[in-house]
N, C-alpha and C. Protein backbone atom coordinates (compact mmCIF):
# COMPACT_ATOMS: atom_id res chain seq x y z
N UNK A 1 17.22 5.91 -6.53
CA UNK A 1 16.60 5.02 -7.49
C UNK A 1 17.23 3.64 -7.35
N UNK A 2 16.44 2.62 -7.41
CA UNK A 2 16.91 1.25 -7.31
C UNK A 2 17.34 0.78 -8.69
N UNK A 3 18.57 0.27 -8.78
CA UNK A 3 19.05 -0.28 -10.04
C UNK A 3 18.99 -1.79 -9.96
N UNK A 4 18.46 -2.40 -11.00
CA UNK A 4 18.38 -3.85 -11.06
C UNK A 4 19.50 -4.37 -11.93
N UNK A 5 20.17 -5.38 -11.45
CA UNK A 5 21.28 -5.97 -12.19
C UNK A 5 20.73 -6.88 -13.27
N UNK A 6 21.22 -6.70 -14.48
CA UNK A 6 20.79 -7.54 -15.60
C UNK A 6 21.34 -8.94 -15.41
N UNK A 7 20.49 -9.92 -15.68
CA UNK A 7 20.92 -11.31 -15.56
C UNK A 7 21.11 -11.88 -16.95
N UNK A 8 22.03 -12.81 -17.07
CA UNK A 8 22.35 -13.36 -18.38
C UNK A 8 21.59 -14.64 -18.69
N UNK A 9 20.71 -15.08 -17.81
CA UNK A 9 19.99 -16.31 -18.08
C UNK A 9 18.94 -16.10 -19.15
N UNK A 10 18.66 -17.14 -19.89
CA UNK A 10 17.65 -17.10 -20.93
C UNK A 10 16.28 -17.11 -20.28
N UNK A 11 15.38 -16.21 -20.71
CA UNK A 11 14.08 -16.11 -20.05
C UNK A 11 13.00 -16.95 -20.73
N UNK A 12 13.15 -17.31 -21.95
CA UNK A 12 12.12 -18.09 -22.66
C UNK A 12 12.71 -19.39 -23.18
N UNK A 13 12.11 -20.49 -22.77
CA UNK A 13 12.57 -21.77 -23.30
C UNK A 13 11.47 -22.46 -24.10
N UNK A 14 10.26 -21.90 -24.09
CA UNK A 14 9.18 -22.42 -24.92
C UNK A 14 8.52 -23.68 -24.42
N UNK A 15 9.07 -24.33 -23.40
CA UNK A 15 8.49 -25.60 -22.95
C UNK A 15 7.60 -25.44 -21.73
N UNK A 16 7.59 -24.26 -21.12
CA UNK A 16 6.77 -24.06 -19.93
C UNK A 16 5.34 -23.72 -20.32
N UNK A 17 4.40 -24.30 -19.57
CA UNK A 17 2.99 -24.00 -19.80
C UNK A 17 2.62 -22.76 -18.99
N UNK A 18 1.93 -21.83 -19.62
CA UNK A 18 1.54 -20.58 -18.98
C UNK A 18 0.37 -20.80 -18.04
N UNK A 19 0.52 -20.36 -16.79
CA UNK A 19 -0.54 -20.46 -15.80
C UNK A 19 -0.77 -19.08 -15.19
N UNK A 20 -1.90 -18.50 -15.45
CA UNK A 20 -2.22 -17.17 -14.93
C UNK A 20 -3.01 -17.28 -13.63
N UNK A 21 -2.78 -16.34 -12.70
CA UNK A 21 -3.57 -16.35 -11.46
C UNK A 21 -5.02 -15.98 -11.78
N UNK A 22 -5.91 -16.34 -10.87
CA UNK A 22 -7.31 -16.00 -11.12
C UNK A 22 -7.51 -14.49 -11.11
N UNK A 23 -8.57 -14.04 -11.72
CA UNK A 23 -8.83 -12.62 -11.93
C UNK A 23 -8.98 -11.88 -10.60
N UNK A 24 -9.68 -12.46 -9.65
CA UNK A 24 -9.90 -11.81 -8.36
C UNK A 24 -8.58 -11.56 -7.65
N UNK A 25 -7.72 -12.55 -7.62
CA UNK A 25 -6.42 -12.42 -6.97
C UNK A 25 -5.62 -11.29 -7.63
N UNK A 26 -5.59 -11.28 -8.95
CA UNK A 26 -4.84 -10.26 -9.68
C UNK A 26 -5.43 -8.87 -9.44
N UNK A 27 -6.75 -8.76 -9.43
CA UNK A 27 -7.41 -7.47 -9.17
C UNK A 27 -7.09 -6.97 -7.76
N UNK A 28 -7.16 -7.87 -6.77
CA UNK A 28 -6.87 -7.48 -5.39
C UNK A 28 -5.42 -7.03 -5.23
N UNK A 29 -4.50 -7.77 -5.82
CA UNK A 29 -3.09 -7.40 -5.72
C UNK A 29 -2.83 -6.06 -6.41
N UNK A 30 -3.43 -5.85 -7.57
CA UNK A 30 -3.24 -4.59 -8.29
C UNK A 30 -3.79 -3.41 -7.48
N UNK A 31 -4.94 -3.60 -6.86
CA UNK A 31 -5.55 -2.53 -6.06
C UNK A 31 -4.69 -2.17 -4.86
N UNK A 32 -4.23 -3.17 -4.13
CA UNK A 32 -3.40 -2.92 -2.96
C UNK A 32 -2.03 -2.36 -3.34
N UNK A 33 -1.48 -2.84 -4.43
CA UNK A 33 -0.18 -2.33 -4.90
C UNK A 33 -0.29 -0.89 -5.34
N UNK A 34 -1.37 -0.55 -6.02
CA UNK A 34 -1.57 0.83 -6.46
C UNK A 34 -1.63 1.78 -5.27
N UNK A 35 -2.18 1.31 -4.16
CA UNK A 35 -2.26 2.15 -2.97
C UNK A 35 -0.87 2.55 -2.49
N UNK A 36 0.12 1.74 -2.78
CA UNK A 36 1.49 2.02 -2.34
C UNK A 36 2.35 2.54 -3.49
N UNK A 37 1.74 2.96 -4.56
CA UNK A 37 2.48 3.39 -5.75
C UNK A 37 2.97 4.83 -5.67
N UNK A 38 2.77 5.49 -4.56
CA UNK A 38 3.25 6.87 -4.39
C UNK A 38 4.10 6.93 -3.12
N UNK A 39 5.26 7.59 -3.18
CA UNK A 39 6.14 7.65 -2.00
C UNK A 39 5.47 8.22 -0.76
N UNK A 40 4.58 9.17 -0.91
CA UNK A 40 3.90 9.75 0.26
C UNK A 40 3.02 8.70 0.93
N UNK A 41 2.35 7.88 0.13
CA UNK A 41 1.49 6.84 0.73
C UNK A 41 2.33 5.76 1.40
N UNK A 42 3.48 5.45 0.83
CA UNK A 42 4.38 4.49 1.48
C UNK A 42 4.82 5.04 2.83
N UNK A 43 5.17 6.32 2.88
CA UNK A 43 5.59 6.94 4.14
C UNK A 43 4.45 6.94 5.16
N UNK A 44 3.25 7.22 4.72
CA UNK A 44 2.10 7.21 5.64
C UNK A 44 1.89 5.81 6.20
N UNK A 45 1.94 4.80 5.35
CA UNK A 45 1.76 3.42 5.81
C UNK A 45 2.86 3.06 6.80
N UNK A 46 4.10 3.41 6.48
CA UNK A 46 5.21 3.12 7.40
C UNK A 46 4.99 3.80 8.75
N UNK A 47 4.55 5.04 8.73
CA UNK A 47 4.26 5.77 9.96
C UNK A 47 3.18 5.06 10.77
N UNK A 48 2.11 4.66 10.10
CA UNK A 48 1.00 4.01 10.80
C UNK A 48 1.35 2.61 11.29
N UNK A 49 2.25 1.94 10.60
CA UNK A 49 2.67 0.61 11.06
C UNK A 49 3.41 0.68 12.39
N UNK A 50 4.05 1.82 12.64
CA UNK A 50 4.80 1.99 13.89
C UNK A 50 3.93 2.46 15.05
N UNK A 51 2.65 2.73 14.80
CA UNK A 51 1.74 3.24 15.84
C UNK A 51 0.46 2.43 15.83
N UNK A 52 -0.26 2.52 16.94
CA UNK A 52 -1.56 1.85 16.98
C UNK A 52 -2.63 2.70 16.32
N UNK A 53 -2.48 4.03 16.40
CA UNK A 53 -3.40 4.95 15.72
C UNK A 53 -2.73 6.31 15.62
N UNK A 54 -3.29 7.16 14.76
CA UNK A 54 -2.68 8.46 14.52
C UNK A 54 -3.73 9.43 14.00
N UNK A 55 -3.76 10.62 14.55
CA UNK A 55 -4.67 11.65 14.07
C UNK A 55 -4.12 12.25 12.79
N UNK A 56 -5.00 12.71 11.95
CA UNK A 56 -4.61 13.29 10.67
C UNK A 56 -3.57 14.40 10.86
N UNK A 57 -3.77 15.26 11.85
CA UNK A 57 -2.84 16.35 12.11
C UNK A 57 -1.44 15.86 12.44
N UNK A 58 -1.34 14.74 13.14
CA UNK A 58 -0.04 14.17 13.46
C UNK A 58 0.66 13.67 12.20
N UNK A 59 -0.10 13.11 11.30
CA UNK A 59 0.46 12.63 10.03
C UNK A 59 0.96 13.82 9.22
N UNK A 60 0.16 14.88 9.16
CA UNK A 60 0.53 16.09 8.41
C UNK A 60 1.84 16.66 8.95
N UNK A 61 2.01 16.66 10.26
CA UNK A 61 3.24 17.19 10.87
C UNK A 61 4.48 16.41 10.43
N UNK A 62 4.32 15.15 10.12
CA UNK A 62 5.45 14.30 9.73
C UNK A 62 5.75 14.36 8.23
N UNK A 63 4.85 14.94 7.47
CA UNK A 63 4.98 14.94 6.01
C UNK A 63 5.32 16.34 5.50
N UNK A 64 6.13 16.43 4.45
CA UNK A 64 6.43 17.73 3.86
C UNK A 64 5.38 18.13 2.82
N UNK A 65 4.12 17.89 3.15
CA UNK A 65 3.01 18.14 2.22
C UNK A 65 1.91 18.93 2.90
N UNK A 66 1.09 19.57 2.09
CA UNK A 66 -0.06 20.30 2.62
C UNK A 66 -1.06 19.32 3.22
N UNK A 67 -1.86 19.82 4.16
CA UNK A 67 -2.87 18.98 4.81
C UNK A 67 -3.82 18.38 3.79
N UNK A 68 -4.22 19.16 2.78
CA UNK A 68 -5.17 18.66 1.78
C UNK A 68 -4.55 17.52 0.96
N UNK A 69 -3.25 17.60 0.69
CA UNK A 69 -2.57 16.54 -0.06
C UNK A 69 -2.48 15.27 0.78
N UNK A 70 -2.13 15.40 2.05
CA UNK A 70 -2.08 14.25 2.95
C UNK A 70 -3.46 13.62 3.05
N UNK A 71 -4.50 14.43 3.17
CA UNK A 71 -5.87 13.92 3.25
C UNK A 71 -6.24 13.14 1.99
N UNK A 72 -5.81 13.61 0.83
CA UNK A 72 -6.09 12.91 -0.42
C UNK A 72 -5.40 11.55 -0.44
N UNK A 73 -4.15 11.50 0.02
CA UNK A 73 -3.43 10.22 0.08
C UNK A 73 -4.10 9.27 1.09
N UNK A 74 -4.54 9.80 2.21
CA UNK A 74 -5.24 8.98 3.20
C UNK A 74 -6.55 8.44 2.63
N UNK A 75 -7.23 9.25 1.84
CA UNK A 75 -8.48 8.81 1.20
C UNK A 75 -8.22 7.63 0.27
N UNK A 76 -7.16 7.68 -0.50
CA UNK A 76 -6.81 6.58 -1.40
C UNK A 76 -6.47 5.33 -0.61
N UNK A 77 -5.70 5.48 0.46
CA UNK A 77 -5.36 4.33 1.29
C UNK A 77 -6.59 3.72 1.95
N UNK A 78 -7.54 4.57 2.34
CA UNK A 78 -8.79 4.07 2.92
C UNK A 78 -9.63 3.33 1.88
N UNK A 79 -9.73 3.90 0.69
CA UNK A 79 -10.54 3.29 -0.37
C UNK A 79 -10.03 1.90 -0.74
N UNK A 80 -8.72 1.69 -0.66
CA UNK A 80 -8.17 0.38 -0.99
C UNK A 80 -8.20 -0.57 0.20
N UNK A 81 -8.49 -0.06 1.38
CA UNK A 81 -8.63 -0.91 2.55
C UNK A 81 -7.37 -1.09 3.38
N UNK A 82 -6.24 -0.51 2.97
CA UNK A 82 -5.02 -0.66 3.76
C UNK A 82 -5.06 0.15 5.05
N UNK A 83 -5.82 1.24 5.03
CA UNK A 83 -5.92 2.12 6.19
C UNK A 83 -7.39 2.25 6.58
N UNK A 84 -7.64 2.34 7.86
CA UNK A 84 -8.99 2.57 8.39
C UNK A 84 -9.00 3.93 9.05
N UNK A 85 -10.14 4.61 8.96
CA UNK A 85 -10.28 5.90 9.60
C UNK A 85 -11.53 5.93 10.45
N UNK A 86 -11.42 6.50 11.64
CA UNK A 86 -12.55 6.56 12.56
C UNK A 86 -12.70 7.99 13.05
N UNK A 87 -13.90 8.51 12.96
CA UNK A 87 -14.16 9.87 13.40
C UNK A 87 -14.15 9.92 14.92
N UNK A 88 -13.35 10.84 15.45
CA UNK A 88 -13.21 11.02 16.89
C UNK A 88 -13.46 12.50 17.18
N UNK A 89 -14.73 12.84 17.34
CA UNK A 89 -15.10 14.25 17.50
C UNK A 89 -14.84 15.00 16.21
N UNK A 90 -14.11 16.10 16.27
CA UNK A 90 -13.84 16.87 15.06
C UNK A 90 -12.65 16.33 14.26
N UNK A 91 -12.00 15.28 14.77
CA UNK A 91 -10.80 14.74 14.12
C UNK A 91 -11.06 13.34 13.59
N UNK A 92 -10.15 12.91 12.71
CA UNK A 92 -10.21 11.54 12.21
C UNK A 92 -8.95 10.83 12.66
N UNK A 93 -9.14 9.66 13.25
CA UNK A 93 -8.05 8.84 13.75
C UNK A 93 -7.82 7.71 12.73
N UNK A 94 -6.58 7.54 12.29
CA UNK A 94 -6.26 6.54 11.27
C UNK A 94 -5.40 5.43 11.86
N UNK A 95 -5.56 4.24 11.29
CA UNK A 95 -4.71 3.11 11.66
C UNK A 95 -4.61 2.16 10.47
N UNK A 96 -3.61 1.29 10.52
CA UNK A 96 -3.42 0.28 9.48
C UNK A 96 -4.47 -0.81 9.66
N UNK A 97 -5.01 -1.27 8.56
CA UNK A 97 -5.87 -2.45 8.56
C UNK A 97 -4.93 -3.65 8.48
N UNK A 98 -4.67 -4.25 9.62
CA UNK A 98 -3.69 -5.34 9.71
C UNK A 98 -4.06 -6.54 8.82
N UNK A 99 -5.34 -6.82 8.68
CA UNK A 99 -5.76 -7.93 7.82
C UNK A 99 -5.41 -7.65 6.37
N UNK A 100 -5.67 -6.43 5.91
CA UNK A 100 -5.35 -6.07 4.52
C UNK A 100 -3.84 -6.09 4.31
N UNK A 101 -3.07 -5.65 5.29
CA UNK A 101 -1.61 -5.68 5.16
C UNK A 101 -1.10 -7.11 5.07
N UNK A 102 -1.66 -8.00 5.88
CA UNK A 102 -1.27 -9.41 5.81
C UNK A 102 -1.64 -10.01 4.45
N UNK A 103 -2.81 -9.65 3.94
CA UNK A 103 -3.23 -10.13 2.63
C UNK A 103 -2.24 -9.67 1.56
N UNK A 104 -1.84 -8.41 1.61
CA UNK A 104 -0.88 -7.88 0.65
C UNK A 104 0.45 -8.62 0.75
N UNK A 105 0.94 -8.84 1.95
CA UNK A 105 2.21 -9.56 2.14
C UNK A 105 2.13 -10.96 1.55
N UNK A 106 1.03 -11.67 1.78
CA UNK A 106 0.87 -13.02 1.26
C UNK A 106 0.83 -13.02 -0.27
N UNK A 107 0.11 -12.05 -0.84
CA UNK A 107 0.02 -11.98 -2.30
C UNK A 107 1.39 -11.71 -2.91
N UNK A 108 2.13 -10.78 -2.33
CA UNK A 108 3.45 -10.45 -2.88
C UNK A 108 4.40 -11.63 -2.75
N UNK A 109 4.35 -12.33 -1.62
CA UNK A 109 5.24 -13.47 -1.45
C UNK A 109 4.89 -14.62 -2.39
N UNK A 110 3.67 -14.68 -2.85
CA UNK A 110 3.28 -15.77 -3.76
C UNK A 110 3.49 -15.43 -5.23
N UNK A 111 3.99 -14.23 -5.51
CA UNK A 111 4.25 -13.87 -6.92
C UNK A 111 5.25 -14.77 -7.58
């Protein structure tokens, strides 16, 4: 578990004007962040980032989860756009959507 160190600085001074990001940006960031809100999905993304593509069975072999559970996590990652899946005969080949990953990185860095 990550522990955050408490800071002693005052967080509210009352003189700052509140500026909220636009709704679309916030919705997109929330959707992409939610895709990574489970440790299994983070592991799948990390695995796919290290490869150009990966068959579902190869992903299952790397995970301590049932095939159906891995498939459910892959479905969520696909629905959010972080992962792409392509049917290759009787198998599905998965890869990272590099554009979506770059978008996520830019959004997080601009927080």
